[in-house]
N, C-alpha and C. Protein backbone atom coordinates (compact mmCIF):
# COMPACT_ATOMS: atom_id res chain seq x y z
N MET A 1 0.84 -1.19 0.00
CA MET A 1 0.00 0.00 0.00
C MET A 1 0.88 1.25 0.00
N TYR A 2 0.34 2.30 -0.57
CA TYR A 2 0.99 3.61 -0.59
C TYR A 2 0.00 4.61 -0.01
N TYR A 3 0.53 5.61 0.66
CA TYR A 3 -0.32 6.54 1.39
C TYR A 3 -0.02 7.98 1.03
N VAL A 4 -1.08 8.78 0.95
CA VAL A 4 -1.00 10.23 0.88
C VAL A 4 -1.56 10.70 2.21
N TYR A 5 -0.83 11.59 2.88
CA TYR A 5 -1.25 11.98 4.22
C TYR A 5 -1.21 13.48 4.40
N LEU A 6 -1.95 13.94 5.38
CA LEU A 6 -2.05 15.35 5.72
C LEU A 6 -1.70 15.51 7.19
N LEU A 7 -0.69 16.32 7.46
CA LEU A 7 -0.25 16.58 8.82
C LEU A 7 -0.50 18.04 9.18
N LYS A 8 -0.71 18.29 10.44
CA LYS A 8 -0.86 19.65 10.94
C LYS A 8 0.13 19.84 12.08
N GLU A 9 0.85 20.94 12.02
CA GLU A 9 1.79 21.26 13.08
C GLU A 9 1.02 21.81 14.27
N LYS A 10 1.25 21.23 15.44
CA LYS A 10 0.53 21.68 16.63
C LYS A 10 0.96 23.09 16.99
N GLY A 11 -0.02 23.89 17.41
CA GLY A 11 0.24 25.26 17.80
C GLY A 11 0.24 26.24 16.64
N SER A 12 0.00 25.76 15.43
CA SER A 12 -0.08 26.64 14.27
C SER A 12 -1.03 26.03 13.25
N ASN A 13 -1.23 26.74 12.17
CA ASN A 13 -2.09 26.21 11.10
C ASN A 13 -1.27 25.67 9.94
N LYS A 14 0.02 25.44 10.15
CA LYS A 14 0.87 24.92 9.08
C LYS A 14 0.50 23.47 8.80
N THR A 15 0.41 23.16 7.52
CA THR A 15 0.06 21.80 7.12
C THR A 15 1.12 21.25 6.18
N TYR A 16 1.14 19.96 6.06
CA TYR A 16 2.08 19.28 5.19
C TYR A 16 1.36 18.12 4.52
N ILE A 17 1.51 18.01 3.21
CA ILE A 17 0.95 16.91 2.44
C ILE A 17 2.12 16.07 1.98
N GLY A 18 2.04 14.77 2.19
CA GLY A 18 3.13 13.89 1.81
C GLY A 18 2.66 12.57 1.25
N PHE A 19 3.65 11.79 0.84
CA PHE A 19 3.42 10.48 0.22
C PHE A 19 4.43 9.51 0.82
N THR A 20 4.02 8.27 1.08
CA THR A 20 4.94 7.27 1.61
C THR A 20 4.41 5.87 1.38
N ALA A 21 5.32 4.91 1.46
CA ALA A 21 4.93 3.51 1.41
C ALA A 21 4.79 2.94 2.82
N ASN A 22 5.32 3.64 3.82
CA ASN A 22 5.25 3.19 5.21
C ASN A 22 4.80 4.36 6.08
N LEU A 23 3.52 4.46 6.30
CA LEU A 23 2.95 5.61 7.01
C LEU A 23 3.44 5.69 8.45
N GLU A 24 3.48 4.60 9.15
CA GLU A 24 3.90 4.61 10.55
C GLU A 24 5.34 5.11 10.69
N GLN A 25 6.23 4.62 9.87
CA GLN A 25 7.63 5.04 9.94
C GLN A 25 7.77 6.51 9.57
N ARG A 26 7.04 6.95 8.56
CA ARG A 26 7.13 8.35 8.12
C ARG A 26 6.63 9.29 9.21
N LEU A 27 5.57 8.92 9.91
CA LEU A 27 5.08 9.76 11.00
C LEU A 27 6.12 9.88 12.11
N LYS A 28 6.80 8.78 12.42
CA LYS A 28 7.86 8.83 13.43
C LYS A 28 8.97 9.78 13.01
N GLN A 29 9.31 9.78 11.73
CA GLN A 29 10.34 10.70 11.23
C GLN A 29 9.91 12.15 11.38
N HIS A 30 8.67 12.45 11.04
CA HIS A 30 8.16 13.81 11.19
C HIS A 30 8.15 14.23 12.66
N LYS A 31 7.67 13.34 13.53
CA LYS A 31 7.56 13.67 14.95
C LYS A 31 8.91 13.86 15.62
N ALA A 32 9.97 13.32 15.02
CA ALA A 32 11.31 13.49 15.58
C ALA A 32 11.79 14.93 15.45
N THR A 33 11.24 15.67 14.49
CA THR A 33 11.70 17.05 14.28
C THR A 33 10.66 18.10 14.65
N LYS A 34 9.39 17.75 14.64
CA LYS A 34 8.33 18.72 14.94
C LYS A 34 7.20 18.04 15.68
N GLU A 35 6.42 18.85 16.34
CA GLU A 35 5.23 18.34 17.02
C GLU A 35 4.07 18.41 16.04
N ILE A 36 3.69 17.27 15.50
CA ILE A 36 2.67 17.21 14.45
C ILE A 36 1.60 16.20 14.82
N GLU A 37 0.48 16.32 14.11
CA GLU A 37 -0.57 15.32 14.26
C GLU A 37 -1.08 14.93 12.87
N LEU A 38 -1.43 13.67 12.72
CA LEU A 38 -1.99 13.17 11.48
C LEU A 38 -3.45 13.59 11.42
N ILE A 39 -3.82 14.32 10.39
CA ILE A 39 -5.19 14.79 10.22
C ILE A 39 -5.99 13.83 9.35
N TYR A 40 -5.31 13.28 8.32
CA TYR A 40 -6.04 12.53 7.30
C TYR A 40 -5.05 11.72 6.47
N TYR A 41 -5.49 10.57 5.97
CA TYR A 41 -4.69 9.84 4.99
C TYR A 41 -5.59 9.06 4.04
N GLU A 42 -5.04 8.77 2.88
CA GLU A 42 -5.70 7.97 1.86
C GLU A 42 -4.75 6.85 1.48
N ALA A 43 -5.27 5.66 1.23
CA ALA A 43 -4.45 4.50 0.83
C ALA A 43 -4.68 4.18 -0.64
N TYR A 44 -3.60 3.82 -1.32
CA TYR A 44 -3.66 3.48 -2.74
C TYR A 44 -2.90 2.18 -2.98
N LYS A 45 -3.33 1.44 -3.98
CA LYS A 45 -2.68 0.17 -4.31
C LYS A 45 -1.36 0.38 -5.04
N THR A 46 -1.28 1.42 -5.86
CA THR A 46 -0.06 1.63 -6.64
C THR A 46 0.62 2.95 -6.25
N GLU A 47 1.92 2.95 -6.44
CA GLU A 47 2.71 4.15 -6.16
C GLU A 47 2.29 5.29 -7.08
N LYS A 48 2.02 4.99 -8.33
CA LYS A 48 1.62 6.04 -9.28
C LYS A 48 0.34 6.74 -8.85
N GLU A 49 -0.65 5.97 -8.41
CA GLU A 49 -1.91 6.58 -7.95
C GLU A 49 -1.66 7.52 -6.77
N ALA A 50 -0.85 7.09 -5.83
CA ALA A 50 -0.58 7.91 -4.65
C ALA A 50 0.21 9.16 -5.02
N ARG A 51 1.21 9.02 -5.85
CA ARG A 51 2.01 10.18 -6.28
C ARG A 51 1.14 11.19 -7.06
N ASP A 52 0.28 10.68 -7.91
CA ASP A 52 -0.62 11.56 -8.68
C ASP A 52 -1.54 12.34 -7.74
N ARG A 53 -2.09 11.66 -6.75
CA ARG A 53 -2.98 12.33 -5.79
C ARG A 53 -2.23 13.38 -4.98
N GLU A 54 -1.04 13.04 -4.52
CA GLU A 54 -0.22 14.01 -3.76
C GLU A 54 0.06 15.24 -4.62
N ARG A 55 0.42 15.01 -5.87
CA ARG A 55 0.73 16.12 -6.79
C ARG A 55 -0.50 17.00 -6.99
N LYS A 56 -1.67 16.39 -7.15
CA LYS A 56 -2.89 17.18 -7.33
C LYS A 56 -3.18 18.04 -6.11
N LEU A 57 -3.03 17.47 -4.93
CA LEU A 57 -3.30 18.24 -3.71
C LEU A 57 -2.32 19.39 -3.55
N LYS A 58 -1.07 19.18 -3.94
CA LYS A 58 -0.06 20.22 -3.79
C LYS A 58 -0.13 21.28 -4.88
N MET A 59 -0.50 20.89 -6.10
CA MET A 59 -0.41 21.81 -7.23
C MET A 59 -1.73 22.45 -7.64
N TYR A 60 -2.84 21.81 -7.31
CA TYR A 60 -4.12 22.33 -7.77
C TYR A 60 -4.97 22.76 -6.58
N GLY A 61 -5.23 24.04 -6.49
CA GLY A 61 -6.00 24.58 -5.39
C GLY A 61 -7.39 23.97 -5.26
N SER A 62 -7.99 23.61 -6.38
CA SER A 62 -9.34 23.05 -6.31
C SER A 62 -9.35 21.70 -5.60
N ALA A 63 -8.33 20.88 -5.81
CA ALA A 63 -8.26 19.58 -5.12
C ALA A 63 -8.07 19.79 -3.62
N TRP A 64 -7.22 20.73 -3.25
CA TRP A 64 -6.96 21.03 -1.84
C TRP A 64 -8.21 21.60 -1.18
N ARG A 65 -8.89 22.51 -1.85
CA ARG A 65 -10.11 23.10 -1.30
C ARG A 65 -11.20 22.04 -1.13
N ALA A 66 -11.34 21.14 -2.09
CA ALA A 66 -12.35 20.09 -2.00
C ALA A 66 -12.08 19.17 -0.82
N LEU A 67 -10.82 18.83 -0.59
CA LEU A 67 -10.48 17.98 0.56
C LEU A 67 -10.77 18.71 1.86
N ARG A 68 -10.39 19.98 1.95
CA ARG A 68 -10.67 20.76 3.17
C ARG A 68 -12.16 20.82 3.44
N GLN A 69 -12.95 21.03 2.39
CA GLN A 69 -14.40 21.11 2.55
C GLN A 69 -14.95 19.76 3.02
N ARG A 70 -14.46 18.68 2.41
CA ARG A 70 -14.92 17.35 2.79
C ARG A 70 -14.58 17.02 4.23
N LEU A 71 -13.42 17.46 4.68
CA LEU A 71 -13.01 17.21 6.06
C LEU A 71 -13.60 18.23 7.04
N ARG A 72 -14.16 19.28 6.47
CA ARG A 72 -14.74 20.37 7.28
C ARG A 72 -13.72 20.93 8.26
N ILE A 73 -12.53 21.20 7.74
CA ILE A 73 -11.48 21.78 8.56
C ILE A 73 -11.03 23.08 7.94
N SER A 74 -10.53 23.94 8.74
CA SER A 74 -10.02 25.21 8.28
C SER A 74 -8.51 25.21 8.49
N LEU A 75 -7.78 25.09 7.40
CA LEU A 75 -6.33 25.06 7.48
C LEU A 75 -5.77 26.11 6.52
N SER A 76 -4.63 26.66 6.88
CA SER A 76 -4.00 27.62 5.97
C SER A 76 -3.40 26.87 4.81
N GLU A 77 -3.30 27.54 3.68
CA GLU A 77 -2.77 26.89 2.47
C GLU A 77 -1.29 27.07 2.39
């Protein structure tokens, strides 16, 4: 499985969108440097699908806005 995930830095509205094949390990790496929390993730069968989704969320405002609306969260872009 491959994962696209959304993190939020505690104490601020900073967010991070990422991609990984090992979500648990990647979260540990992030937490080693910053105080973050996992807000959301999506699982994909192929690496290409996950990379494409990550790219859409990072590059296209409409994809990011749709996800924020679906999650009903207010995060800075």
